[in-house]
Every structure is written in C-alpha cells, then in structure tokens.
Amino acid sequence: MSGPSGELLDQGLDFFTTIITRLSEDDWERPTPCAGWTVRDVLGHLVTSTHVAISLMQGRPPGWPDPARPGDLVEGDPVEFWRATVVRARDVLHKADLDPALETPLGQTAAGCRAAVP
C-alpha cells in the first residue's frame, strides 16, 4: 500500500471494524439517520461502496446492485461479512497501482487521489 489515500482507507477499515464489533444482534435492525435504513442497510451500502473501489483498483467496471434495502446484500453474520470485505479490500489495495487515472461515477480521477485529472 502506498500513499496517503491507501493509508486513509486502511485506517477507515479499522475504524469501522471497531464500531461494528461492538454491536449486538438487535442493533442491526435499529433505524439510522439515513431515512428508511437500518444499521444493516448502512453496512450493505458501505460494502457495496468498498466493492466498487475494489473493482476500480483492479481496472474493472464496478457492479451496481439495486436492492430495495442495501442490508439485503449482507450475507450471514454481518461482522464476518464485513471482515471478509476488509480482507479482500486490503489485498487489492496492497497490489493496486494508485497512479493511473480511472473513470468513476464522479468522472475521471486519479485512484490515489493525489490529483484530479481534468
């Protein structure tokens, strides 16, 4: 992993893991400030976003699942589902070249966010 973007992503993965490991089974169905979403839905959304980043770092077009509830994407134990995503993201991040420009839903950008590409 190289650069500040990779380090920031790595720290974010650790931070979110710390938060979700504190949740009880009942917490996953609690409402959140995101209208209509449960805690499980927020996790599903974050996993989807992480999978998009993984695809982009691998130079592949991302997939965009369209469930009514993002929590429906969470398979099995939510914490273990997240941990598997973290392992995959870190593996890809360690191998990724963050210098080339990438086409994203927000336009063309440098993967490492060192500089935006006009």
PDB file of N, CA and C in Angstrom:
ATOM      1  N   MET A   1       0.852  -1.166   0.000  1.00  0.00           N
ATOM      2  CA  MET A   1       0.000   0.000   0.000  1.00  0.00           C
ATOM      3  C   MET A   1       0.893   1.221   0.000  1.00  0.00           C
ATOM      4  N   SER A   2       0.545   2.143  -0.846  1.00  0.00           N
ATOM      5  CA  SER A   2       1.375   3.342  -0.902  1.00  0.00           C
ATOM      6  C   SER A   2       0.507   4.582  -0.874  1.00  0.00           C
ATOM      7  N   GLY A   3       1.080   5.631  -0.348  1.00  0.00           N
ATOM      8  CA  GLY A   3       0.433   6.928  -0.414  1.00  0.00           C
ATOM      9  C   GLY A   3      -0.586   7.161   0.673  1.00  0.00           C
ATOM     10  N   PRO A   4      -0.963   8.430   0.806  1.00  0.00           N
ATOM     11  CA  PRO A   4      -1.899   8.820   1.857  1.00  0.00           C
ATOM     12  C   PRO A   4      -3.305   8.250   1.664  1.00  0.00           C
ATOM     13  N   SER A   5      -3.740   8.063   0.429  1.00  0.00           N
ATOM     14  CA  SER A   5      -5.085   7.530   0.207  1.00  0.00           C
ATOM     15  C   SER A   5      -5.193   6.099   0.702  1.00  0.00           C
ATOM     16  N   GLY A   6      -4.152   5.300   0.415  1.00  0.00           N
ATOM     17  CA  GLY A   6      -4.153   3.920   0.878  1.00  0.00           C
ATOM     18  C   GLY A   6      -4.125   3.834   2.392  1.00  0.00           C
ATOM     19  N   GLU A   7      -3.343   4.685   3.003  1.00  0.00           N
ATOM     20  CA  GLU A   7      -3.265   4.703   4.463  1.00  0.00           C
ATOM     21  C   GLU A   7      -4.593   5.136   5.076  1.00  0.00           C
ATOM     22  N   LEU A   8      -5.221   6.119   4.467  1.00  0.00           N
ATOM     23  CA  LEU A   8      -6.506   6.599   4.961  1.00  0.00           C
ATOM     24  C   LEU A   8      -7.576   5.511   4.837  1.00  0.00           C
ATOM     25  N   LEU A   9      -7.600   4.815   3.721  1.00  0.00           N
ATOM     26  CA  LEU A   9      -8.562   3.724   3.546  1.00  0.00           C
ATOM     27  C   LEU A   9      -8.314   2.648   4.592  1.00  0.00           C
ATOM     28  N   ASP A  10      -7.073   2.288   4.794  1.00  0.00           N
ATOM     29  CA  ASP A  10      -6.717   1.270   5.779  1.00  0.00           C
ATOM     30  C   ASP A  10      -7.197   1.679   7.177  1.00  0.00           C
ATOM     31  N   GLN A  11      -6.997   2.925   7.545  1.00  0.00           N
ATOM     32  CA  GLN A  11      -7.440   3.416   8.852  1.00  0.00           C
ATOM     33  C   GLN A  11      -8.970   3.396   8.953  1.00  0.00           C
ATOM     34  N   GLY A  12      -9.635   3.748   7.870  1.00  0.00           N
ATOM     35  CA  GLY A  12     -11.098   3.732   7.855  1.00  0.00           C
ATOM     36  C   GLY A  12     -11.655   2.327   8.019  1.00  0.00           C
ATOM     37  N   LEU A  13     -11.020   1.353   7.388  1.00  0.00           N
ATOM     38  CA  LEU A  13     -11.451  -0.036   7.531  1.00  0.00           C
ATOM     39  C   LEU A  13     -11.326  -0.472   8.988  1.00  0.00           C
ATOM     40  N   ASP A  14     -10.202  -0.123   9.627  1.00  0.00           N
ATOM     41  CA  ASP A  14     -10.007  -0.462  11.041  1.00  0.00           C
ATOM     42  C   ASP A  14     -11.049   0.230  11.924  1.00  0.00           C
ATOM     43  N   PHE A  15     -11.291   1.510  11.669  1.00  0.00           N
ATOM     44  CA  PHE A  15     -12.238   2.268  12.478  1.00  0.00           C
ATOM     45  C   PHE A  15     -13.634   1.655  12.391  1.00  0.00           C
ATOM     46  N   PHE A  16     -14.103   1.384  11.180  1.00  0.00           N
ATOM     47  CA  PHE A  16     -15.450   0.836  11.024  1.00  0.00           C
ATOM     48  C   PHE A  16     -15.543  -0.554  11.645  1.00  0.00           C
ATOM     49  N   THR A  17     -14.484  -1.350  11.511  1.00  0.00           N
ATOM     50  CA  THR A  17     -14.480  -2.683  12.125  1.00  0.00           C
ATOM     51  C   THR A  17     -14.643  -2.562  13.641  1.00  0.00           C
ATOM     52  N   THR A  18     -13.936  -1.625  14.243  1.00  0.00           N
ATOM     53  CA  THR A  18     -14.048  -1.414  15.696  1.00  0.00           C
ATOM     54  C   THR A  18     -15.481  -1.077  16.089  1.00  0.00           C
ATOM     55  N   ILE A  19     -16.126  -0.240  15.299  1.00  0.00           N
ATOM     56  CA  ILE A  19     -17.504   0.170  15.605  1.00  0.00           C
ATOM     57  C   ILE A  19     -18.460  -1.009  15.506  1.00  0.00           C
ATOM     58  N   ILE A  20     -18.420  -1.747  14.413  1.00  0.00           N
ATOM     59  CA  ILE A  20     -19.437  -2.790  14.224  1.00  0.00           C
ATOM     60  C   ILE A  20     -19.227  -3.998  15.134  1.00  0.00           C
ATOM     61  N   THR A  21     -18.012  -4.225  15.599  1.00  0.00           N
ATOM     62  CA  THR A  21     -17.813  -5.360  16.511  1.00  0.00           C
ATOM     63  C   THR A  21     -18.434  -5.087  17.881  1.00  0.00           C
ATOM     64  N   ARG A  22     -18.807  -3.866  18.145  1.00  0.00           N
ATOM     65  CA  ARG A  22     -19.462  -3.510  19.416  1.00  0.00           C
ATOM     66  C   ARG A  22     -20.975  -3.674  19.362  1.00  0.00           C
ATOM     67  N   LEU A  23     -21.526  -3.932  18.183  1.00  0.00           N
ATOM     68  CA  LEU A  23     -22.977  -4.010  18.029  1.00  0.00           C
ATOM     69  C   LEU A  23     -23.522  -5.361  18.489  1.00  0.00           C
ATOM     70  N   SER A  24     -24.715  -5.315  19.054  1.00  0.00           N
ATOM     71  CA  SER A  24     -25.409  -6.555  19.432  1.00  0.00           C
ATOM     72  C   SER A  24     -26.250  -7.035  18.248  1.00  0.00           C
ATOM     73  N   GLU A  25     -26.771  -8.221  18.357  1.00  0.00           N
ATOM     74  CA  GLU A  25     -27.634  -8.784  17.309  1.00  0.00           C
ATOM     75  C   GLU A  25     -28.825  -7.861  17.044  1.00  0.00           C
ATOM     76  N   ASP A  26     -29.413  -7.307  18.098  1.00  0.00           N
ATOM     77  CA  ASP A  26     -30.578  -6.425  17.947  1.00  0.00           C
ATOM     78  C   ASP A  26     -30.235  -5.096  17.272  1.00  0.00           C
ATOM     79  N   ASP A  27     -28.995  -4.638  17.421  1.00  0.00           N
ATOM     80  CA  ASP A  27     -28.601  -3.343  16.850  1.00  0.00           C
ATOM     81  C   ASP A  27     -28.693  -3.307  15.330  1.00  0.00           C
ATOM     82  N   TRP A  28     -28.550  -4.435  14.667  1.00  0.00           N
ATOM     83  CA  TRP A  28     -28.516  -4.456  13.201  1.00  0.00           C
ATOM     84  C   TRP A  28     -29.820  -4.001  12.567  1.00  0.00           C
ATOM     85  N   GLU A  29     -30.925  -4.106  13.300  1.00  0.00           N
ATOM     86  CA  GLU A  29     -32.225  -3.692  12.743  1.00  0.00           C
ATOM     87  C   GLU A  29     -32.685  -2.344  13.267  1.00  0.00           C
ATOM     88  N   ARG A  30     -31.847  -1.663  13.996  1.00  0.00           N
ATOM     89  CA  ARG A  30     -32.200  -0.336  14.510  1.00  0.00           C
ATOM     90  C   ARG A  30     -32.187   0.696  13.372  1.00  0.00           C
ATOM     91  N   PRO A  31     -33.043   1.712  13.479  1.00  0.00           N
ATOM     92  CA  PRO A  31     -33.042   2.774  12.467  1.00  0.00           C
ATOM     93  C   PRO A  31     -31.787   3.634  12.578  1.00  0.00           C
ATOM     94  N   THR A  32     -31.468   4.320  11.502  1.00  0.00           N
ATOM     95  CA  THR A  32     -30.313   5.215  11.452  1.00  0.00           C
ATOM     96  C   THR A  32     -30.788   6.599  10.998  1.00  0.00           C
ATOM     97  N   PRO A  33     -29.909   7.590  11.028  1.00  0.00           N
ATOM     98  CA  PRO A  33     -30.284   8.907  10.486  1.00  0.00           C
ATOM     99  C   PRO A  33     -30.535   8.877   8.977  1.00  0.00           C
ATOM    100  N   CYS A  34     -30.113   7.818   8.291  1.00  0.00           N
ATOM    101  CA  CYS A  34     -30.392   7.668   6.852  1.00  0.00           C
ATOM    102  C   CYS A  34     -31.838   7.190   6.718  1.00  0.00           C
ATOM    103  N   ALA A  35     -32.700   8.039   6.215  1.00  0.00           N
ATOM    104  CA  ALA A  35     -34.135   7.770   6.172  1.00  0.00           C
ATOM    105  C   ALA A  35     -34.458   6.397   5.592  1.00  0.00           C
ATOM    106  N   GLY A  36     -35.158   5.594   6.378  1.00  0.00           N
ATOM    107  CA  GLY A  36     -35.608   4.285   5.930  1.00  0.00           C
ATOM    108  C   GLY A  36     -34.563   3.187   6.017  1.00  0.00           C
ATOM    109  N   TRP A  37     -33.358   3.505   6.457  1.00  0.00           N
ATOM    110  CA  TRP A  37     -32.288   2.498   6.519  1.00  0.00           C
ATOM    111  C   TRP A  37     -32.026   2.056   7.949  1.00  0.00           C
ATOM    112  N   THR A  38     -31.759   0.750   8.079  1.00  0.00           N
ATOM    113  CA  THR A  38     -31.323   0.182   9.344  1.00  0.00           C
ATOM    114  C   THR A  38     -29.795   0.188   9.383  1.00  0.00           C
ATOM    115  N   VAL A  39     -29.257  -0.201  10.523  1.00  0.00           N
ATOM    116  CA  VAL A  39     -27.802  -0.326  10.638  1.00  0.00           C
ATOM    117  C   VAL A  39     -27.290  -1.340   9.614  1.00  0.00           C
ATOM    118  N   ARG A  40     -28.032  -2.441   9.409  1.00  0.00           N
ATOM    119  CA  ARG A  40     -27.651  -3.450   8.403  1.00  0.00           C
ATOM    120  C   ARG A  40     -27.628  -2.837   7.003  1.00  0.00           C
ATOM    121  N   ASP A  41     -28.564  -1.945   6.706  1.00  0.00           N
ATOM    122  CA  ASP A  41     -28.573  -1.275   5.405  1.00  0.00           C
ATOM    123  C   ASP A  41     -27.330  -0.418   5.209  1.00  0.00           C
ATOM    124  N   VAL A  42     -26.910   0.285   6.260  1.00  0.00           N
ATOM    125  CA  VAL A  42     -25.693   1.105   6.168  1.00  0.00           C
ATOM    126  C   VAL A  42     -24.489   0.214   5.889  1.00  0.00           C
ATOM    127  N   LEU A  43     -24.417  -0.938   6.568  1.00  0.00           N
ATOM    128  CA  LEU A  43     -23.328  -1.881   6.308  1.00  0.00           C
ATOM    129  C   LEU A  43     -23.378  -2.365   4.858  1.00  0.00           C
ATOM    130  N   GLY A  44     -24.553  -2.725   4.370  1.00  0.00           N
ATOM    131  CA  GLY A  44     -24.684  -3.172   2.980  1.00  0.00           C
ATOM    132  C   GLY A  44     -24.241  -2.111   1.997  1.00  0.00           C
ATOM    133  N   HIS A  45     -24.573  -0.863   2.281  1.00  0.00           N
ATOM    134  CA  HIS A  45     -24.161   0.248   1.420  1.00  0.00           C
ATOM    135  C   HIS A  45     -22.642   0.412   1.440  1.00  0.00           C
ATOM    136  N   LEU A  46     -22.048   0.346   2.617  1.00  0.00           N
ATOM    137  CA  LEU A  46     -20.600   0.502   2.719  1.00  0.00           C
ATOM    138  C   LEU A  46     -19.866  -0.648   2.034  1.00  0.00           C
ATOM    139  N   VAL A  47     -20.381  -1.857   2.162  1.00  0.00           N
ATOM    140  CA  VAL A  47     -19.766  -2.994   1.476  1.00  0.00           C
ATOM    141  C   VAL A  47     -19.868  -2.816  -0.037  1.00  0.00           C
ATOM    142  N   THR A  48     -21.028  -2.364  -0.521  1.00  0.00           N
ATOM    143  CA  THR A  48     -21.181  -2.102  -1.949  1.00  0.00           C
ATOM    144  C   THR A  48     -20.173  -1.056  -2.415  1.00  0.00           C
ATOM    145  N   SER A  49     -20.026   0.013  -1.649  1.00  0.00           N
ATOM    146  CA  SER A  49     -19.065   1.067  -2.000  1.00  0.00           C
ATOM    147  C   SER A  49     -17.639   0.528  -1.998  1.00  0.00           C
ATOM    148  N   THR A  50     -17.323  -0.323  -1.041  1.00  0.00           N
ATOM    149  CA  THR A  50     -15.990  -0.928  -0.981  1.00  0.00           C
ATOM    150  C   THR A  50     -15.760  -1.839  -2.176  1.00  0.00           C
ATOM    151  N   HIS A  51     -16.776  -2.586  -2.585  1.00  0.00           N
ATOM    152  CA  HIS A  51     -16.645  -3.449  -3.768  1.00  0.00           C
ATOM    153  C   HIS A  51     -16.463  -2.621  -5.040  1.00  0.00           C
ATOM    154  N   VAL A  52     -17.096  -1.469  -5.103  1.00  0.00           N
ATOM    155  CA  VAL A  52     -16.886  -0.556  -6.238  1.00  0.00           C
ATOM    156  C   VAL A  52     -15.427  -0.109  -6.260  1.00  0.00           C
ATOM    157  N   ALA A  53     -14.892   0.278  -5.104  1.00  0.00           N
ATOM    158  CA  ALA A  53     -13.485   0.697  -5.028  1.00  0.00           C
ATOM    159  C   ALA A  53     -12.552  -0.449  -5.424  1.00  0.00           C
ATOM    160  N   ILE A  54     -12.857  -1.660  -4.991  1.00  0.00           N
ATOM    161  CA  ILE A  54     -12.050  -2.828  -5.353  1.00  0.00           C
ATOM    162  C   ILE A  54     -12.033  -3.000  -6.864  1.00  0.00           C
ATOM    163  N   SER A  55     -13.201  -2.920  -7.483  1.00  0.00           N
ATOM    164  CA  SER A  55     -13.287  -3.060  -8.943  1.00  0.00           C
ATOM    165  C   SER A  55     -12.464  -1.994  -9.645  1.00  0.00           C
ATOM    166  N   LEU A  56     -12.589  -0.758  -9.193  1.00  0.00           N
ATOM    167  CA  LEU A  56     -11.848   0.338  -9.817  1.00  0.00           C
ATOM    168  C   LEU A  56     -10.342   0.144  -9.667  1.00  0.00           C
ATOM    169  N   MET A  57      -9.899  -0.295  -8.486  1.00  0.00           N
ATOM    170  CA  MET A  57      -8.465  -0.519  -8.273  1.00  0.00           C
ATOM    171  C   MET A  57      -7.938  -1.666  -9.125  1.00  0.00           C
ATOM    172  N   GLN A  58      -8.828  -2.577  -9.506  1.00  0.00           N
ATOM    173  CA  GLN A  58      -8.438  -3.691 -10.369  1.00  0.00           C
ATOM    174  C   GLN A  58      -8.620  -3.357 -11.848  1.00  0.00           C
ATOM    175  N   GLY A  59      -9.072  -2.145 -12.139  1.00  0.00           N
ATOM    176  CA  GLY A  59      -9.262  -1.739 -13.523  1.00  0.00           C
ATOM    177  C   GLY A  59     -10.485  -2.350 -14.173  1.00  0.00           C
ATOM    178  N   ARG A  60     -11.444  -2.785 -13.371  1.00  0.00           N
ATOM    179  CA  ARG A  60     -12.681  -3.385 -13.878  1.00  0.00           C
ATOM    180  C   ARG A  60     -13.845  -2.431 -13.646  1.00  0.00           C
ATOM    181  N   PRO A  61     -14.842  -2.469 -14.511  1.00  0.00           N
ATOM    182  CA  PRO A  61     -16.028  -1.639 -14.261  1.00  0.00           C
ATOM    183  C   PRO A  61     -16.765  -2.176 -13.026  1.00  0.00           C
ATOM    184  N   PRO A  62     -17.230  -1.297 -12.169  1.00  0.00           N
ATOM    185  CA  PRO A  62     -17.918  -1.759 -10.958  1.00  0.00           C
ATOM    186  C   PRO A  62     -19.326  -2.245 -11.245  1.00  0.00           C
ATOM    187  N   GLY A  63     -19.795  -3.130 -10.387  1.00  0.00           N
ATOM    188  CA  GLY A  63     -21.181  -3.569 -10.439  1.00  0.00           C
ATOM    189  C   GLY A  63     -22.006  -2.714  -9.507  1.00  0.00           C
ATOM    190  N   TRP A  64     -23.248  -2.505  -9.845  1.00  0.00           N
ATOM    191  CA  TRP A  64     -24.121  -1.666  -9.035  1.00  0.00           C
ATOM    192  C   TRP A  64     -25.393  -2.431  -8.680  1.00  0.00           C
ATOM    193  N   PRO A  65     -25.393  -3.173  -7.574  1.00  0.00           N
ATOM    194  CA  PRO A  65     -26.622  -3.873  -7.184  1.00  0.00           C
ATOM    195  C   PRO A  65     -27.721  -2.872  -6.863  1.00  0.00           C
ATOM    196  N   ASP A  66     -28.948  -3.266  -7.058  1.00  0.00           N
ATOM    197  CA  ASP A  66     -30.056  -2.337  -6.862  1.00  0.00           C
ATOM    198  C   ASP A  66     -31.147  -2.943  -5.977  1.00  0.00           C
ATOM    199  N   PRO A  67     -30.791  -3.388  -4.780  1.00  0.00           N
ATOM    200  CA  PRO A  67     -31.853  -3.903  -3.907  1.00  0.00           C
ATOM    201  C   PRO A  67     -32.627  -2.753  -3.266  1.00  0.00           C
ATOM    202  N   ALA A  68     -33.834  -3.038  -2.874  1.00  0.00           N
ATOM    203  CA  ALA A  68     -34.635  -2.019  -2.196  1.00  0.00           C
ATOM    204  C   ALA A  68     -33.996  -1.655  -0.862  1.00  0.00           C
ATOM    205  N   ARG A  69     -33.378  -2.632  -0.236  1.00  0.00           N
ATOM    206  CA  ARG A  69     -32.680  -2.405   1.032  1.00  0.00           C
ATOM    207  C   ARG A  69     -31.248  -2.897   0.887  1.00  0.00           C
ATOM    208  N   PRO A  70     -30.261  -2.029   1.049  1.00  0.00           N
ATOM    209  CA  PRO A  70     -28.863  -2.460   0.937  1.00  0.00           C
ATOM    210  C   PRO A  70     -28.502  -3.556   1.927  1.00  0.00           C
ATOM    211  N   GLY A  71     -29.225  -3.632   3.038  1.00  0.00           N
ATOM    212  CA  GLY A  71     -28.969  -4.675   4.030  1.00  0.00           C
ATOM    213  C   GLY A  71     -29.225  -6.062   3.499  1.00  0.00           C
ATOM    214  N   ASP A  72     -30.029  -6.165   2.431  1.00  0.00           N
ATOM    215  CA  ASP A  72     -30.288  -7.467   1.828  1.00  0.00           C
ATOM    216  C   ASP A  72     -29.028  -8.068   1.213  1.00  0.00           C
ATOM    217  N   LEU A  73     -28.017  -7.247   0.981  1.00  0.00           N
ATOM    218  CA  LEU A  73     -26.753  -7.732   0.418  1.00  0.00           C
ATOM    219  C   LEU A  73     -25.869  -8.384   1.473  1.00  0.00           C
ATOM    220  N   VAL A  74     -26.152  -8.137   2.747  1.00  0.00           N
ATOM    221  CA  VAL A  74     -25.342  -8.683   3.833  1.00  0.00           C
ATOM    222  C   VAL A  74     -25.699 -10.149   4.021  1.00  0.00           C
ATOM    223  N   GLU A  75     -24.711 -11.005   3.816  1.00  0.00           N
ATOM    224  CA  GLU A  75     -24.926 -12.451   3.912  1.00  0.00           C
ATOM    225  C   GLU A  75     -24.344 -12.983   5.217  1.00  0.00           C
ATOM    226  N   GLY A  76     -25.138 -13.767   5.942  1.00  0.00           N
ATOM    227  CA  GLY A  76     -24.659 -14.371   7.182  1.00  0.00           C
ATOM    228  C   GLY A  76     -24.430 -13.347   8.274  1.00  0.00           C
ATOM    229  N   ASP A  77     -23.448 -13.644   9.122  1.00  0.00           N
ATOM    230  CA  ASP A  77     -23.109 -12.763  10.237  1.00  0.00           C
ATOM    231  C   ASP A  77     -22.567 -11.445   9.688  1.00  0.00           C
ATOM    232  N   PRO A  78     -23.167 -10.310  10.053  1.00  0.00           N
ATOM    233  CA  PRO A  78     -22.723  -9.031   9.496  1.00  0.00           C
ATOM    234  C   PRO A  78     -21.251  -8.704   9.763  1.00  0.00           C
ATOM    235  N   VAL A  79     -20.768  -9.012  10.953  1.00  0.00           N
ATOM    236  CA  VAL A  79     -19.374  -8.695  11.276  1.00  0.00           C
ATOM    237  C   VAL A  79     -18.429  -9.541  10.420  1.00  0.00           C
ATOM    238  N   GLU A  80     -18.714 -10.808  10.279  1.00  0.00           N
ATOM    239  CA  GLU A  80     -17.854 -11.676   9.456  1.00  0.00           C
ATOM    240  C   GLU A  80     -17.954 -11.299   7.979  1.00  0.00           C
ATOM    241  N   PHE A  81     -19.147 -10.879   7.547  1.00  0.00           N
ATOM    242  CA  PHE A  81     -19.328 -10.411   6.169  1.00  0.00           C
ATOM    243  C   PHE A  81     -18.439  -9.194   5.915  1.00  0.00           C
ATOM    244  N   TRP A  82     -18.433  -8.257   6.870  1.00  0.00           N
ATOM    245  CA  TRP A  82     -17.589  -7.069   6.754  1.00  0.00           C
ATOM    246  C   TRP A  82     -16.117  -7.460   6.776  1.00  0.00           C
ATOM    247  N   ARG A  83     -15.727  -8.333   7.693  1.00  0.00           N
ATOM    248  CA  ARG A  83     -14.315  -8.722   7.803  1.00  0.00           C
ATOM    249  C   ARG A  83     -13.812  -9.348   6.507  1.00  0.00           C
ATOM    250  N   ALA A  84     -14.636 -10.145   5.848  1.00  0.00           N
ATOM    251  CA  ALA A  84     -14.241 -10.734   4.557  1.00  0.00           C
ATOM    252  C   ALA A  84     -14.041  -9.632   3.512  1.00  0.00           C
ATOM    253  N   THR A  85     -14.880  -8.624   3.550  1.00  0.00           N
ATOM    254  CA  THR A  85     -14.731  -7.491   2.634  1.00  0.00           C
ATOM    255  C   THR A  85     -13.435  -6.743   2.912  1.00  0.00           C
ATOM    256  N   VAL A  86     -13.103  -6.562   4.181  1.00  0.00           N
ATOM    257  CA  VAL A  86     -11.869  -5.875   4.570  1.00  0.00           C
ATOM    258  C   VAL A  86     -10.648  -6.642   4.070  1.00  0.00           C
ATOM    259  N   VAL A  87     -10.647  -7.952   4.239  1.00  0.00           N
ATOM    260  CA  VAL A  87      -9.514  -8.775   3.778  1.00  0.00           C
ATOM    261  C   VAL A  87      -9.337  -8.601   2.275  1.00  0.00           C
ATOM    262  N   ARG A  88     -10.423  -8.669   1.550  1.00  0.00           N
ATOM    263  CA  ARG A  88     -10.352  -8.515   0.088  1.00  0.00           C
ATOM    264  C   ARG A  88      -9.878  -7.112  -0.297  1.00  0.00           C
ATOM    265  N   ALA A  89     -10.418  -6.100   0.354  1.00  0.00           N
ATOM    266  CA  ALA A  89     -10.045  -4.716   0.031  1.00  0.00           C
ATOM    267  C   ALA A  89      -8.558  -4.485   0.301  1.00  0.00           C
ATOM    268  N   ARG A  90      -8.069  -4.975   1.415  1.00  0.00           N
ATOM    269  CA  ARG A  90      -6.652  -4.779   1.746  1.00  0.00           C
ATOM    270  C   ARG A  90      -5.748  -5.515   0.773  1.00  0.00           C
ATOM    271  N   ASP A  91      -6.151  -6.709   0.377  1.00  0.00           N
ATOM    272  CA  ASP A  91      -5.356  -7.467  -0.586  1.00  0.00           C
ATOM    273  C   ASP A  91      -5.250  -6.709  -1.902  1.00  0.00           C
ATOM    274  N   VAL A  92      -6.378  -6.209  -2.385  1.00  0.00           N
ATOM    275  CA  VAL A  92      -6.383  -5.457  -3.642  1.00  0.00           C
ATOM    276  C   VAL A  92      -5.616  -4.147  -3.477  1.00  0.00           C
ATOM    277  N   LEU A  93      -5.803  -3.469  -2.361  1.00  0.00           N
ATOM    278  CA  LEU A  93      -5.128  -2.194  -2.126  1.00  0.00           C
ATOM    279  C   LEU A  93      -3.614  -2.365  -2.114  1.00  0.00           C
ATOM    280  N   HIS A  94      -3.128  -3.431  -1.513  1.00  0.00           N
ATOM    281  CA  HIS A  94      -1.676  -3.666  -1.452  1.00  0.00           C
ATOM    282  C   HIS A  94      -1.081  -3.884  -2.842  1.00  0.00           C
ATOM    283  N   LYS A  95      -1.885  -4.404  -3.756  1.00  0.00           N
ATOM    284  CA  LYS A  95      -1.406  -4.715  -5.112  1.00  0.00           C
ATOM    285  C   LYS A  95      -1.715  -3.608  -6.120  1.00  0.00           C
ATOM    286  N   ALA A  96      -2.540  -2.657  -5.730  1.00  0.00           N
ATOM    287  CA  ALA A  96      -3.058  -1.662  -6.682  1.00  0.00           C
ATOM    288  C   ALA A  96      -2.021  -0.598  -7.021  1.00  0.00           C
ATOM    289  N   ASP A  97      -2.073  -0.176  -8.271  1.00  0.00           N
ATOM    290  CA  ASP A  97      -1.307   0.983  -8.719  1.00  0.00           C
ATOM    291  C   ASP A  97      -2.269   2.162  -8.653  1.00  0.00           C
ATOM    292  N   LEU A  98      -2.049   3.044  -7.711  1.00  0.00           N
ATOM    293  CA  LEU A  98      -2.988   4.140  -7.495  1.00  0.00           C
ATOM    294  C   LEU A  98      -2.684   5.379  -8.325  1.00  0.00           C
ATOM    295  N   ASP A  99      -1.723   5.277  -9.226  1.00  0.00           N
ATOM    296  CA  ASP A  99      -1.349   6.440 -10.027  1.00  0.00           C
ATOM    297  C   ASP A  99      -2.200   6.674 -11.281  1.00  0.00           C
ATOM    298  N   PRO A 100      -2.619   5.635 -12.003  1.00  0.00           N
ATOM    299  CA  PRO A 100      -3.350   5.899 -13.251  1.00  0.00           C
ATOM    300  C   PRO A 100      -4.706   6.557 -13.017  1.00  0.00           C
ATOM    301  N   ALA A 101      -5.166   7.282 -14.015  1.00  0.00           N
ATOM    302  CA  ALA A 101      -6.498   7.889 -13.970  1.00  0.00           C
ATOM    303  C   ALA A 101      -7.541   6.794 -14.143  1.00  0.00           C
ATOM    304  N   LEU A 102      -8.646   6.945 -13.434  1.00  0.00           N
ATOM    305  CA  LEU A 102      -9.745   5.993 -13.510  1.00  0.00           C
ATOM    306  C   LEU A 102     -11.025   6.728 -13.860  1.00  0.00           C
ATOM    307  N   GLU A 103     -11.910   6.038 -14.557  1.00  0.00           N
ATOM    308  CA  GLU A 103     -13.231   6.574 -14.839  1.00  0.00           C
ATOM    309  C   GLU A 103     -14.147   6.112 -13.709  1.00  0.00           C
ATOM    310  N   THR A 104     -14.764   7.051 -13.015  1.00  0.00           N
ATOM    311  CA  THR A 104     -15.646   6.728 -11.896  1.00  0.00           C
ATOM    312  C   THR A 104     -17.002   7.384 -12.113  1.00  0.00           C
ATOM    313  N   PRO A 105     -17.991   7.049 -11.291  1.00  0.00           N
ATOM    314  CA  PRO A 105     -19.288   7.719 -11.406  1.00  0.00           C
ATOM    315  C   PRO A 105     -19.189   9.231 -11.210  1.00  0.00           C
ATOM    316  N   LEU A 106     -18.111   9.684 -10.579  1.00  0.00           N
ATOM    317  CA  LEU A 106     -17.926  11.119 -10.359  1.00  0.00           C
ATOM    318  C   LEU A 106     -17.036  11.747 -11.420  1.00  0.00           C
ATOM    319  N   GLY A 107     -16.706  10.992 -12.456  1.00  0.00           N
ATOM    320  CA  GLY A 107     -15.832  11.484 -13.515  1.00  0.00           C
ATOM    321  C   GLY A 107     -14.461  10.848 -13.431  1.00  0.00           C
ATOM    322  N   GLN A 108     -13.545  11.334 -14.243  1.00  0.00           N
ATOM    323  CA  GLN A 108     -12.205  10.769 -14.264  1.00  0.00           C
ATOM    324  C   GLN A 108     -11.393  11.330 -13.108  1.00  0.00           C
ATOM    325  N   THR A 109     -10.682  10.437 -12.414  1.00  0.00           N
ATOM    326  CA  THR A 109      -9.895  10.848 -11.251  1.00  0.00           C
ATOM    327  C   THR A 109      -8.687   9.953 -11.104  1.00  0.00           C
ATOM    328  N   ALA A 110      -7.727  10.407 -10.365  1.00  0.00           N
ATOM    329  CA  ALA A 110      -6.580   9.573 -10.031  1.00  0.00           C
ATOM    330  C   ALA A 110      -6.980   8.673  -8.877  1.00  0.00           C
ATOM    331  N   ALA A 111      -6.723   7.382  -8.989  1.00  0.00           N
ATOM    332  CA  ALA A 111      -7.140   6.427  -7.964  1.00  0.00           C
ATOM    333  C   ALA A 111      -6.583   6.794  -6.610  1.00  0.00           C
ATOM    334  N   GLY A 112      -5.341   7.273  -6.587  1.00  0.00           N
ATOM    335  CA  GLY A 112      -4.709   7.624  -5.324  1.00  0.00           C
ATOM    336  C   GLY A 112      -5.140   8.977  -4.803  1.00  0.00           C
ATOM    337  N   CYS A 113      -5.978   9.654  -5.532  1.00  0.00           N
ATOM    338  CA  CYS A 113      -6.480  10.972  -5.141  1.00  0.00           C
ATOM    339  C   CYS A 113      -5.354  11.961  -4.910  1.00  0.00           C
ATOM    340  N   ARG A 114      -4.231  11.723  -5.549  1.00  0.00           N
ATOM    341  CA  ARG A 114      -3.120  12.665  -5.416  1.00  0.00           C
ATOM    342  C   ARG A 114      -3.430  13.947  -6.193  1.00  0.00           C
ATOM    343  N   ALA A 115      -4.145  13.764  -7.296  1.00  0.00           N
ATOM    344  CA  ALA A 115      -4.532  14.920  -8.104  1.00  0.00           C
ATOM    345  C   ALA A 115      -5.671  14.529  -9.010  1.00  0.00           C
ATOM    346  N   ALA A 116      -6.616  15.382  -9.179  1.00  0.00           N
ATOM    347  CA  ALA A 116      -7.717  15.108 -10.098  1.00  0.00           C
ATOM    348  C   ALA A 116      -7.232  15.281 -11.510  1.00  0.00           C
ATOM    349  N   VAL A 117      -7.768  14.462 -12.402  1.00  0.00           N
ATOM    350  CA  VAL A 117      -7.407  14.556 -13.811  1.00  0.00           C
ATOM    351  C   VAL A 117      -8.465  15.409 -14.499  1.00  0.00           C
ATOM    352  N   PRO A 118      -8.059  16.473 -15.209  1.00  0.00           N
ATOM    353  CA  PRO A 118      -9.051  17.351 -15.843  1.00  0.00           C
ATOM    354  C   PRO A 118      -9.815  16.637 -16.947  1.00  0.00           C
TER     355      PRO A 118
END
